[in-house]
């Protein structure tokens, strides 16, 4: 009984914490970004790309469309304005053909 009560308290606390999120809170994606690659800062908009079965990319304000390998599910919404720290992975190839592949180090809403 004590274990169930503890689990319920933790669940409620986590749920309430999620409701009060501000756009200033950084999220560290899982899996975490691998070491290596050029570090960069991205400010842009998440876009759903209807190619190869569909995927989410980030259209940067710098005019570059980035292909994130680890975009968290809560950020997979077309039109979402985001800011992220990432590592550009020129050592990887992909099928999306949309722009440079990046591993997100952290991301937040703008």
PDB file of N, CA and C in Angstrom:
ATOM      1  N   UNK A   1       0.823  -1.190   0.000  1.00  0.00           N
ATOM      2  CA  UNK A   1       0.000   0.000   0.000  1.00  0.00           C
ATOM      3  C   UNK A   1       0.866   1.252   0.000  1.00  0.00           C
ATOM      4  N   UNK A   2       1.911   1.244   0.807  1.00  0.00           N
ATOM      5  CA  UNK A   2       2.797   2.405   0.908  1.00  0.00           C
ATOM      6  C   UNK A   2       3.466   2.686  -0.445  1.00  0.00           C
ATOM      7  N   UNK A   3       3.851   1.615  -1.150  1.00  0.00           N
ATOM      8  CA  UNK A   3       4.496   1.767  -2.456  1.00  0.00           C
ATOM      9  C   UNK A   3       3.531   2.398  -3.469  1.00  0.00           C
ATOM     10  N   UNK A   4       2.263   1.962  -3.442  1.00  0.00           N
ATOM     11  CA  UNK A   4       1.264   2.526  -4.354  1.00  0.00           C
ATOM     12  C   UNK A   4       1.032   4.006  -4.061  1.00  0.00           C
ATOM     13  N   UNK A   5       0.958   4.354  -2.785  1.00  0.00           N
ATOM     14  CA  UNK A   5       0.761   5.741  -2.391  1.00  0.00           C
ATOM     15  C   UNK A   5       1.944   6.598  -2.836  1.00  0.00           C
ATOM     16  N   UNK A   6       3.151   6.080  -2.635  1.00  0.00           N
ATOM     17  CA  UNK A   6       4.353   6.808  -3.060  1.00  0.00           C
ATOM     18  C   UNK A   6       4.346   7.018  -4.580  1.00  0.00           C
ATOM     19  N   UNK A   7       3.988   5.976  -5.321  1.00  0.00           N
ATOM     20  CA  UNK A   7       3.924   6.083  -6.783  1.00  0.00           C
ATOM     21  C   UNK A   7       2.900   7.117  -7.209  1.00  0.00           C
ATOM     22  N   UNK A   8       1.758   7.143  -6.542  1.00  0.00           N
ATOM     23  CA  UNK A   8       0.714   8.112  -6.861  1.00  0.00           C
ATOM     24  C   UNK A   8       1.189   9.536  -6.587  1.00  0.00           C
ATOM     25  N   UNK A   9       1.853   9.752  -5.464  1.00  0.00           N
ATOM     26  CA  UNK A   9       2.363  11.080  -5.117  1.00  0.00           C
ATOM     27  C   UNK A   9       3.380  11.537  -6.157  1.00  0.00           C
ATOM     28  N   UNK A  10       4.275  10.642  -6.563  1.00  0.00           N
ATOM     29  CA  UNK A  10       5.281  10.991  -7.574  1.00  0.00           C
ATOM     30  C   UNK A  10       4.598  11.317  -8.900  1.00  0.00           C
ATOM     31  N   UNK A  11       3.626  10.522  -9.306  1.00  0.00           N
ATOM     32  CA  UNK A  11       2.910  10.753 -10.554  1.00  0.00           C
ATOM     33  C   UNK A  11       2.208  12.107 -10.559  1.00  0.00           C
ATOM     34  N   UNK A  12       1.542  12.449  -9.466  1.00  0.00           N
ATOM     35  CA  UNK A  12       0.853  13.741  -9.368  1.00  0.00           C
ATOM     36  C   UNK A  12       1.863  14.887  -9.415  1.00  0.00           C
ATOM     37  N   UNK A  13       2.975  14.747  -8.709  1.00  0.00           N
ATOM     38  CA  UNK A  13       4.000  15.798  -8.699  1.00  0.00           C
ATOM     39  C   UNK A  13       4.574  16.027 -10.089  1.00  0.00           C
ATOM     40  N   UNK A  14       4.861  14.953 -10.807  1.00  0.00           N
ATOM     41  CA  UNK A  14       5.400  15.077 -12.170  1.00  0.00           C
ATOM     42  C   UNK A  14       4.362  15.710 -13.086  1.00  0.00           C
ATOM     43  N   UNK A  15       3.111  15.305 -12.961  1.00  0.00           N
ATOM     44  CA  UNK A  15       2.044  15.870 -13.793  1.00  0.00           C
ATOM     45  C   UNK A  15       1.885  17.368 -13.555  1.00  0.00           C
ATOM     46  N   UNK A  16       1.877  17.776 -12.296  1.00  0.00           N
ATOM     47  CA  UNK A  16       1.733  19.191 -11.978  1.00  0.00           C
ATOM     48  C   UNK A  16       2.937  19.995 -12.444  1.00  0.00           C
ATOM     49  N   UNK A  17       4.110  19.431 -12.360  1.00  0.00           N
ATOM     50  CA  UNK A  17       5.312  20.128 -12.818  1.00  0.00           C
ATOM     51  C   UNK A  17       5.238  20.373 -14.318  1.00  0.00           C
ATOM     52  N   UNK A  18       4.705  19.417 -15.066  1.00  0.00           N
ATOM     53  CA  UNK A  18       4.583  19.571 -16.506  1.00  0.00           C
ATOM     54  C   UNK A  18       3.587  20.636 -16.908  1.00  0.00           C
ATOM     55  N   UNK A  19       2.555  20.853 -16.101  1.00  0.00           N
ATOM     56  CA  UNK A  19       1.537  21.865 -16.413  1.00  0.00           C
ATOM     57  C   UNK A  19       2.089  23.272 -16.302  1.00  0.00           C
ATOM     58  N   UNK A  20       3.049  23.479 -15.436  1.00  0.00           N
ATOM     59  CA  UNK A  20       3.556  24.808 -15.200  1.00  0.00           C
ATOM     60  C   UNK A  20       4.807  25.144 -15.983  1.00  0.00           C
ATOM     61  N   UNK A  21       5.119  24.383 -17.003  1.00  0.00           N
ATOM     62  CA  UNK A  21       6.342  24.621 -17.756  1.00  0.00           C
ATOM     63  C   UNK A  21       6.323  25.972 -18.438  1.00  0.00           C
ATOM     64  N   UNK A  22       7.415  26.653 -18.350  1.00  0.00           N
ATOM     65  CA  UNK A  22       7.553  27.912 -19.075  1.00  0.00           C
ATOM     66  C   UNK A  22       8.405  27.661 -20.297  1.00  0.00           C
ATOM     67  N   UNK A  23       8.407  28.624 -21.214  1.00  0.00           N
ATOM     68  CA  UNK A  23       9.182  28.464 -22.431  1.00  0.00           C
ATOM     69  C   UNK A  23      10.680  28.545 -22.165  1.00  0.00           C
ATOM     70  N   UNK A  24      11.065  28.857 -20.926  1.00  0.00           N
ATOM     71  CA  UNK A  24      12.476  28.998 -20.610  1.00  0.00           C
ATOM     72  C   UNK A  24      13.122  27.699 -20.152  1.00  0.00           C
ATOM     73  N   UNK A  25      12.350  26.644 -19.984  1.00  0.00           N
ATOM     74  CA  UNK A  25      12.903  25.390 -19.501  1.00  0.00           C
ATOM     75  C   UNK A  25      13.498  24.580 -20.640  1.00  0.00           C
ATOM     76  N   UNK A  26      14.751  24.194 -20.475  1.00  0.00           N
ATOM     77  CA  UNK A  26      15.448  23.388 -21.469  1.00  0.00           C
ATOM     78  C   UNK A  26      15.104  21.920 -21.271  1.00  0.00           C
ATOM     79  N   UNK A  27      14.963  21.207 -22.351  1.00  0.00           N
ATOM     80  CA  UNK A  27      14.733  19.765 -22.337  1.00  0.00           C
ATOM     81  C   UNK A  27      15.959  19.114 -22.960  1.00  0.00           C
ATOM     82  N   UNK A  28      16.505  18.115 -22.282  1.00  0.00           N
ATOM     83  CA  UNK A  28      17.636  17.359 -22.813  1.00  0.00           C
ATOM     84  C   UNK A  28      17.054  16.091 -23.441  1.00  0.00           C
ATOM     85  N   UNK A  29      17.161  15.953 -24.767  1.00  0.00           N
ATOM     86  CA  UNK A  29      16.570  14.804 -25.449  1.00  0.00           C
ATOM     87  C   UNK A  29      17.251  13.488 -25.082  1.00  0.00           C
ATOM     88  N   UNK A  30      16.487  12.416 -25.234  1.00  0.00           N
ATOM     89  CA  UNK A  30      17.058  11.076 -25.142  1.00  0.00           C
ATOM     90  C   UNK A  30      16.771  10.372 -26.453  1.00  0.00           C
ATOM     91  N   UNK A  31      17.716   9.735 -27.056  1.00  0.00           N
ATOM     92  CA  UNK A  31      19.081   9.583 -26.559  1.00  0.00           C
ATOM     93  C   UNK A  31      19.835  10.913 -26.605  1.00  0.00           C
ATOM     94  N   UNK A  32      20.794  11.027 -25.719  1.00  0.00           N
ATOM     95  CA  UNK A  32      21.600  12.251 -25.654  1.00  0.00           C
ATOM     96  C   UNK A  32      22.452  12.383 -26.914  1.00  0.00           C
ATOM     97  N   UNK A  33      22.815  13.614 -27.217  1.00  0.00           N
ATOM     98  CA  UNK A  33      23.674  13.871 -28.370  1.00  0.00           C
ATOM     99  C   UNK A  33      25.029  13.207 -28.158  1.00  0.00           C
ATOM    100  N   UNK A  34      25.549  12.629 -29.230  1.00  0.00           N
ATOM    101  CA  UNK A  34      26.870  12.017 -29.158  1.00  0.00           C
ATOM    102  C   UNK A  34      27.938  13.099 -29.189  1.00  0.00           C
ATOM    103  N   UNK A  35      29.086  12.775 -28.640  1.00  0.00           N
ATOM    104  CA  UNK A  35      30.214  13.713 -28.692  1.00  0.00           C
ATOM    105  C   UNK A  35      30.666  13.843 -30.142  1.00  0.00           C
ATOM    106  N   UNK A  36      31.189  14.990 -30.460  1.00  0.00           N
ATOM    107  CA  UNK A  36      31.675  15.217 -31.823  1.00  0.00           C
ATOM    108  C   UNK A  36      30.740  16.101 -32.602  1.00  0.00           C
ATOM    109  N   UNK A  37      31.233  16.574 -33.711  1.00  0.00           N
ATOM    110  CA  UNK A  37      30.438  17.449 -34.547  1.00  0.00           C
ATOM    111  C   UNK A  37      30.603  18.899 -34.156  1.00  0.00           C
ATOM    112  N   UNK A  38      30.255  19.766 -35.057  1.00  0.00           N
ATOM    113  CA  UNK A  38      30.355  21.203 -34.839  1.00  0.00           C
ATOM    114  C   UNK A  38      29.178  21.686 -34.001  1.00  0.00           C
ATOM    115  N   UNK A  39      29.464  22.400 -32.922  1.00  0.00           N
ATOM    116  CA  UNK A  39      28.399  22.930 -32.072  1.00  0.00           C
ATOM    117  C   UNK A  39      27.731  24.108 -32.757  1.00  0.00           C
ATOM    118  N   UNK A  40      26.404  24.182 -32.633  1.00  0.00           N
ATOM    119  CA  UNK A  40      25.681  25.319 -33.198  1.00  0.00           C
ATOM    120  C   UNK A  40      24.437  25.599 -32.392  1.00  0.00           C
ATOM    121  N   UNK A  41      23.924  26.806 -32.560  1.00  0.00           N
ATOM    122  CA  UNK A  41      22.705  27.244 -31.883  1.00  0.00           C
ATOM    123  C   UNK A  41      21.654  27.471 -32.964  1.00  0.00           C
ATOM    124  N   UNK A  42      20.497  26.845 -32.798  1.00  0.00           N
ATOM    125  CA  UNK A  42      19.425  26.932 -33.791  1.00  0.00           C
ATOM    126  C   UNK A  42      18.245  27.677 -33.193  1.00  0.00           C
ATOM    127  N   UNK A  43      17.740  28.644 -33.922  1.00  0.00           N
ATOM    128  CA  UNK A  43      16.485  29.323 -33.589  1.00  0.00           C
ATOM    129  C   UNK A  43      15.612  29.144 -34.822  1.00  0.00           C
ATOM    130  N   UNK A  44      14.433  28.542 -34.636  1.00  0.00           N
ATOM    131  CA  UNK A  44      13.611  28.295 -35.807  1.00  0.00           C
ATOM    132  C   UNK A  44      12.256  27.711 -35.478  1.00  0.00           C
ATOM    133  N   UNK A  45      11.676  27.064 -36.482  1.00  0.00           N
ATOM    134  CA  UNK A  45      10.323  26.526 -36.392  1.00  0.00           C
ATOM    135  C   UNK A  45      10.331  25.056 -36.795  1.00  0.00           C
ATOM    136  N   UNK A  46       9.672  24.231 -36.004  1.00  0.00           N
ATOM    137  CA  UNK A  46       9.546  22.819 -36.341  1.00  0.00           C
ATOM    138  C   UNK A  46       8.588  22.697 -37.520  1.00  0.00           C
ATOM    139  N   UNK A  47       8.980  21.902 -38.509  1.00  0.00           N
ATOM    140  CA  UNK A  47       8.151  21.684 -39.700  1.00  0.00           C
ATOM    141  C   UNK A  47       8.003  20.199 -39.969  1.00  0.00           C
ATOM    142  N   UNK A  48       6.793  19.773 -40.291  1.00  0.00           N
ATOM    143  CA  UNK A  48       6.536  18.394 -40.713  1.00  0.00           C
ATOM    144  C   UNK A  48       6.841  18.336 -42.202  1.00  0.00           C
ATOM    145  N   UNK A  49       7.730  17.444 -42.575  1.00  0.00           N
ATOM    146  CA  UNK A  49       8.124  17.269 -43.976  1.00  0.00           C
ATOM    147  C   UNK A  49       7.514  15.960 -44.461  1.00  0.00           C
ATOM    148  N   UNK A  50       6.726  16.034 -45.538  1.00  0.00           N
ATOM    149  CA  UNK A  50       6.054  14.850 -46.074  1.00  0.00           C
ATOM    150  C   UNK A  50       6.927  14.176 -47.131  1.00  0.00           C
ATOM    151  N   UNK A  51       8.031  13.621 -46.707  1.00  0.00           N
ATOM    152  CA  UNK A  51       8.972  12.926 -47.595  1.00  0.00           C
ATOM    153  C   UNK A  51       9.439  11.687 -46.861  1.00  0.00           C
ATOM    154  N   UNK A  52       9.615  10.594 -47.557  1.00  0.00           N
ATOM    155  CA  UNK A  52      10.097   9.344 -46.945  1.00  0.00           C
ATOM    156  C   UNK A  52       9.239   8.922 -45.752  1.00  0.00           C
ATOM    157  N   UNK A  53       7.937   9.026 -45.874  1.00  0.00           N
ATOM    158  CA  UNK A  53       7.042   8.623 -44.797  1.00  0.00           C
ATOM    159  C   UNK A  53       6.727   9.725 -43.803  1.00  0.00           C
ATOM    160  N   UNK A  54       7.371  10.868 -43.941  1.00  0.00           N
ATOM    161  CA  UNK A  54       7.133  12.007 -43.062  1.00  0.00           C
ATOM    162  C   UNK A  54       8.074  12.039 -41.875  1.00  0.00           C
ATOM    163  N   UNK A  55       8.538  13.230 -41.561  1.00  0.00           N
ATOM    164  CA  UNK A  55       9.422  13.433 -40.416  1.00  0.00           C
ATOM    165  C   UNK A  55       9.380  14.904 -40.033  1.00  0.00           C
ATOM    166  N   UNK A  56       9.977  15.226 -38.886  1.00  0.00           N
ATOM    167  CA  UNK A  56      10.019  16.606 -38.409  1.00  0.00           C
ATOM    168  C   UNK A  56      11.420  17.168 -38.559  1.00  0.00           C
ATOM    169  N   UNK A  57      11.503  18.370 -39.076  1.00  0.00           N
ATOM    170  CA  UNK A  57      12.763  19.091 -39.239  1.00  0.00           C
ATOM    171  C   UNK A  57      12.610  20.447 -38.550  1.00  0.00           C
ATOM    172  N   UNK A  58      13.718  21.142 -38.406  1.00  0.00           N
ATOM    173  CA  UNK A  58      13.671  22.498 -37.846  1.00  0.00           C
ATOM    174  C   UNK A  58      14.140  23.464 -38.922  1.00  0.00           C
ATOM    175  N   UNK A  59      13.235  24.368 -39.330  1.00  0.00           N
ATOM    176  CA  UNK A  59      13.572  25.405 -40.304  1.00  0.00           C
ATOM    177  C   UNK A  59      14.176  26.562 -39.536  1.00  0.00           C
ATOM    178  N   UNK A  60      15.491  26.725 -39.649  1.00  0.00           N
ATOM    179  CA  UNK A  60      16.186  27.758 -38.898  1.00  0.00           C
ATOM    180  C   UNK A  60      15.936  29.145 -39.455  1.00  0.00           C
ATOM    181  N   UNK A  61      16.007  30.137 -38.589  1.00  0.00           N
ATOM    182  CA  UNK A  61      15.887  31.525 -39.032  1.00  0.00           C
ATOM    183  C   UNK A  61      17.056  31.921 -39.930  1.00  0.00           C
ATOM    184  N   UNK A  62      18.114  31.106 -39.911  1.00  0.00           N
ATOM    185  CA  UNK A  62      19.279  31.351 -40.770  1.00  0.00           C
ATOM    186  C   UNK A  62      19.080  30.817 -42.184  1.00  0.00           C
ATOM    187  N   UNK A  63      17.873  30.276 -42.475  1.00  0.00           N
ATOM    188  CA  UNK A  63      17.559  29.776 -43.807  1.00  0.00           C
ATOM    189  C   UNK A  63      17.939  28.317 -44.029  1.00  0.00           C
ATOM    190  N   UNK A  64      18.523  27.668 -43.025  1.00  0.00           N
ATOM    191  CA  UNK A  64      18.934  26.269 -43.130  1.00  0.00           C
ATOM    192  C   UNK A  64      17.864  25.393 -42.487  1.00  0.00           C
ATOM    193  N   UNK A  65      17.539  24.283 -43.140  1.00  0.00           N
ATOM    194  CA  UNK A  65      16.624  23.304 -42.562  1.00  0.00           C
ATOM    195  C   UNK A  65      17.469  22.197 -41.953  1.00  0.00           C
ATOM    196  N   UNK A  66      17.294  21.973 -40.642  1.00  0.00           N
ATOM    197  CA  UNK A  66      18.084  20.986 -39.914  1.00  0.00           C
ATOM    198  C   UNK A  66      17.281  19.708 -39.724  1.00  0.00           C
ATOM    199  N   UNK A  67      17.957  18.581 -39.786  1.00  0.00           N
ATOM    200  CA  UNK A  67      17.348  17.263 -39.641  1.00  0.00           C
ATOM    201  C   UNK A  67      17.774  16.670 -38.296  1.00  0.00           C
ATOM    202  N   UNK A  68      16.990  16.884 -37.224  1.00  0.00           N
ATOM    203  CA  UNK A  68      17.388  16.396 -35.901  1.00  0.00           C
ATOM    204  C   UNK A  68      17.185  14.886 -35.763  1.00  0.00           C
ATOM    205  N   UNK A  69      18.170  14.230 -35.167  1.00  0.00           N
ATOM    206  CA  UNK A  69      18.094  12.785 -34.950  1.00  0.00           C
ATOM    207  C   UNK A  69      17.315  12.425 -33.700  1.00  0.00           C
ATOM    208  N   UNK A  70      17.175  13.364 -32.781  1.00  0.00           N
ATOM    209  CA  UNK A  70      16.592  13.055 -31.470  1.00  0.00           C
ATOM    210  C   UNK A  70      15.604  14.115 -30.990  1.00  0.00           C
ATOM    211  N   UNK A  71      14.738  14.580 -31.888  1.00  0.00           N
ATOM    212  CA  UNK A  71      13.732  15.578 -31.513  1.00  0.00           C
ATOM    213  C   UNK A  71      12.708  14.931 -30.583  1.00  0.00           C
ATOM    214  N   UNK A  72      12.583  15.422 -29.337  1.00  0.00           N
ATOM    215  CA  UNK A  72      11.628  14.822 -28.394  1.00  0.00           C
ATOM    216  C   UNK A  72      10.192  14.907 -28.923  1.00  0.00           C
ATOM    217  N   UNK A  73       9.388  13.928 -28.556  1.00  0.00           N
ATOM    218  CA  UNK A  73       8.018  13.840 -29.076  1.00  0.00           C
ATOM    219  C   UNK A  73       7.184  15.080 -28.752  1.00  0.00           C
ATOM    220  N   UNK A  74       7.424  15.713 -27.599  1.00  0.00           N
ATOM    221  CA  UNK A  74       6.627  16.893 -27.255  1.00  0.00           C
ATOM    222  C   UNK A  74       6.939  18.098 -28.144  1.00  0.00           C
ATOM    223  N   UNK A  75       8.019  18.021 -28.921  1.00  0.00           N
ATOM    224  CA  UNK A  75       8.371  19.094 -29.852  1.00  0.00           C
ATOM    225  C   UNK A  75       8.027  18.730 -31.298  1.00  0.00           C
ATOM    226  N   UNK A  76       7.434  17.583 -31.512  1.00  0.00           N
ATOM    227  CA  UNK A  76       7.089  17.145 -32.865  1.00  0.00           C
ATOM    228  C   UNK A  76       5.711  17.669 -33.243  1.00  0.00           C
ATOM    229  N   UNK A  77       5.652  19.004 -33.406  1.00  0.00           N
ATOM    230  CA  UNK A  77       4.406  19.682 -33.768  1.00  0.00           C
ATOM    231  C   UNK A  77       4.728  20.737 -34.816  1.00  0.00           C
ATOM    232  N   UNK A  78       4.092  20.650 -35.966  1.00  0.00           N
ATOM    233  CA  UNK A  78       4.338  21.592 -37.050  1.00  0.00           C
ATOM    234  C   UNK A  78       4.007  23.011 -36.601  1.00  0.00           C
ATOM    235  N   UNK A  79       4.942  23.929 -36.837  1.00  0.00           N
ATOM    236  CA  UNK A  79       4.730  25.334 -36.507  1.00  0.00           C
ATOM    237  C   UNK A  79       5.239  25.744 -35.142  1.00  0.00           C
ATOM    238  N   UNK A  80       5.776  24.817 -34.378  1.00  0.00           N
ATOM    239  CA  UNK A  80       6.280  25.104 -33.033  1.00  0.00           C
ATOM    240  C   UNK A  80       7.571  25.913 -33.119  1.00  0.00           C
ATOM    241  N   UNK A  81       7.622  27.027 -32.422  1.00  0.00           N
ATOM    242  CA  UNK A  81       8.799  27.896 -32.407  1.00  0.00           C
ATOM    243  C   UNK A  81       9.747  27.402 -31.318  1.00  0.00           C
ATOM    244  N   UNK A  82      11.005  27.097 -31.711  1.00  0.00           N
ATOM    245  CA  UNK A  82      11.959  26.498 -30.781  1.00  0.00           C
ATOM    246  C   UNK A  82      13.324  27.168 -30.856  1.00  0.00           C
ATOM    247  N   UNK A  83      14.116  26.862 -29.850  1.00  0.00           N
ATOM    248  CA  UNK A  83      15.513  27.267 -29.764  1.00  0.00           C
ATOM    249  C   UNK A  83      16.262  26.027 -29.299  1.00  0.00           C
ATOM    250  N   UNK A  84      17.411  25.733 -29.907  1.00  0.00           N
ATOM    251  CA  UNK A  84      18.132  24.511 -29.552  1.00  0.00           C
ATOM    252  C   UNK A  84      19.636  24.691 -29.671  1.00  0.00           C
ATOM    253  N   UNK A  85      20.352  23.954 -28.840  1.00  0.00           N
ATOM    254  CA  UNK A  85      21.790  23.783 -28.991  1.00  0.00           C
ATOM    255  C   UNK A  85      21.968  22.406 -29.598  1.00  0.00           C
ATOM    256  N   UNK A  86      22.842  22.307 -30.577  1.00  0.00           N
ATOM    257  CA  UNK A  86      22.978  21.053 -31.315  1.00  0.00           C
ATOM    258  C   UNK A  86      24.418  20.839 -31.753  1.00  0.00           C
ATOM    259  N   UNK A  87      24.649  19.648 -32.278  1.00  0.00           N
ATOM    260  CA  UNK A  87      25.933  19.307 -32.891  1.00  0.00           C
ATOM    261  C   UNK A  87      25.667  18.856 -34.319  1.00  0.00           C
ATOM    262  N   UNK A  88      26.275  19.531 -35.258  1.00  0.00           N
ATOM    263  CA  UNK A  88      26.129  19.181 -36.667  1.00  0.00           C
ATOM    264  C   UNK A  88      26.936  17.923 -36.942  1.00  0.00           C
ATOM    265  N   UNK A  89      26.306  16.926 -37.575  1.00  0.00           N
ATOM    266  CA  UNK A  89      26.930  15.630 -37.789  1.00  0.00           C
ATOM    267  C   UNK A  89      27.200  15.394 -39.270  1.00  0.00           C
ATOM    268  N   UNK A  90      28.263  15.997 -39.763  1.00  0.00           N
ATOM    269  CA  UNK A  90      28.638  15.800 -41.164  1.00  0.00           C
ATOM    270  C   UNK A  90      29.206  14.410 -41.412  1.00  0.00           C
ATOM    271  N   UNK A  91      29.422  13.637 -40.336  1.00  0.00           N
ATOM    272  CA  UNK A  91      29.924  12.274 -40.469  1.00  0.00           C
ATOM    273  C   UNK A  91      28.792  11.263 -40.677  1.00  0.00           C
ATOM    274  N   UNK A  92      27.562  11.733 -40.793  1.00  0.00           N
ATOM    275  CA  UNK A  92      26.404  10.855 -40.972  1.00  0.00           C
ATOM    276  C   UNK A  92      25.708  11.150 -42.292  1.00  0.00           C
ATOM    277  N   UNK A  93      25.004  10.150 -42.781  1.00  0.00           N
ATOM    278  CA  UNK A  93      24.183  10.302 -43.982  1.00  0.00           C
ATOM    279  C   UNK A  93      22.773   9.833 -43.639  1.00  0.00           C
ATOM    280  N   UNK A  94      21.785  10.376 -44.312  1.00  0.00           N
ATOM    281  CA  UNK A  94      20.405   9.996 -44.039  1.00  0.00           C
ATOM    282  C   UNK A  94      19.588   9.995 -45.314  1.00  0.00           C
ATOM    283  N   UNK A  95      18.341   9.564 -45.191  1.00  0.00           N
ATOM    284  CA  UNK A  95      17.458   9.476 -46.354  1.00  0.00           C
ATOM    285  C   UNK A  95      16.525  10.678 -46.481  1.00  0.00           C
ATOM    286  N   UNK A  96      16.514  11.570 -45.504  1.00  0.00           N
ATOM    287  CA  UNK A  96      15.564  12.693 -45.521  1.00  0.00           C
ATOM    288  C   UNK A  96      15.907  13.757 -46.560  1.00  0.00           C
ATOM    289  N   UNK A  97      17.158  13.919 -46.886  1.00  0.00           N
ATOM    290  CA  UNK A  97      17.601  14.868 -47.914  1.00  0.00           C
ATOM    291  C   UNK A  97      17.021  16.268 -47.706  1.00  0.00           C
ATOM    292  N   UNK A  98      17.028  16.734 -46.473  1.00  0.00           N
ATOM    293  CA  UNK A  98      16.429  18.032 -46.196  1.00  0.00           C
ATOM    294  C   UNK A  98      17.435  19.072 -45.744  1.00  0.00           C
ATOM    295  N   UNK A  99      18.566  18.649 -45.222  1.00  0.00           N
ATOM    296  CA  UNK A  99      19.567  19.568 -44.707  1.00  0.00           C
ATOM    297  C   UNK A  99      20.519  18.825 -43.806  1.00  0.00           C
ATOM    298  N   UNK A 100      21.383  19.550 -43.122  1.00  0.00           N
ATOM    299  CA  UNK A 100      22.364  18.887 -42.275  1.00  0.00           C
ATOM    300  C   UNK A 100      21.715  18.113 -41.118  1.00  0.00           C
ATOM    301  N   UNK A 101      22.283  16.951 -40.831  1.00  0.00           N
ATOM    302  CA  UNK A 101      21.833  16.140 -39.709  1.00  0.00           C
ATOM    303  C   UNK A 101      22.425  16.728 -38.436  1.00  0.00           C
ATOM    304  N   UNK A 102      21.597  16.852 -37.396  1.00  0.00           N
ATOM    305  CA  UNK A 102      22.068  17.381 -36.119  1.00  0.00           C
ATOM    306  C   UNK A 102      21.585  16.496 -34.978  1.00  0.00           C
ATOM    307  N   UNK A 103      22.423  16.396 -33.945  1.00  0.00           N
ATOM    308  CA  UNK A 103      22.022  15.800 -32.668  1.00  0.00           C
ATOM    309  C   UNK A 103      21.700  16.964 -31.745  1.00  0.00           C
ATOM    310  N   UNK A 104      20.493  16.981 -31.197  1.00  0.00           N
ATOM    311  CA  UNK A 104      20.116  18.049 -30.272  1.00  0.00           C
ATOM    312  C   UNK A 104      20.732  17.795 -28.904  1.00  0.00           C
ATOM    313  N   UNK A 105      21.391  18.801 -28.360  1.00  0.00           N
ATOM    314  CA  UNK A 105      21.963  18.729 -27.012  1.00  0.00           C
ATOM    315  C   UNK A 105      20.890  19.135 -26.017  1.00  0.00           C
ATOM    316  N   UNK A 106      20.149  20.193 -26.336  1.00  0.00           N
ATOM    317  CA  UNK A 106      19.021  20.652 -25.529  1.00  0.00           C
ATOM    318  C   UNK A 106      18.130  21.494 -26.419  1.00  0.00           C
ATOM    319  N   UNK A 107      16.846  21.594 -26.024  1.00  0.00           N
ATOM    320  CA  UNK A 107      15.862  22.320 -26.828  1.00  0.00           C
ATOM    321  C   UNK A 107      14.819  22.912 -25.891  1.00  0.00           C
ATOM    322  N   UNK A 108      14.230  24.038 -26.308  1.00  0.00           N
ATOM    323  CA  UNK A 108      13.130  24.645 -25.541  1.00  0.00           C
ATOM    324  C   UNK A 108      12.214  25.414 -26.481  1.00  0.00           C
ATOM    325  N   UNK A 109      11.026  25.695 -25.963  1.00  0.00           N
ATOM    326  CA  UNK A 109      10.071  26.531 -26.700  1.00  0.00           C
ATOM    327  C   UNK A 109      10.564  27.962 -26.667  1.00  0.00           C
ATOM    328  N   UNK A 110      10.202  28.706 -27.702  1.00  0.00           N
ATOM    329  CA  UNK A 110      10.508  30.142 -27.701  1.00  0.00           C
ATOM    330  C   UNK A 110       9.251  30.916 -27.420  1.00  0.00           C
TER     331      UNK A 110
END
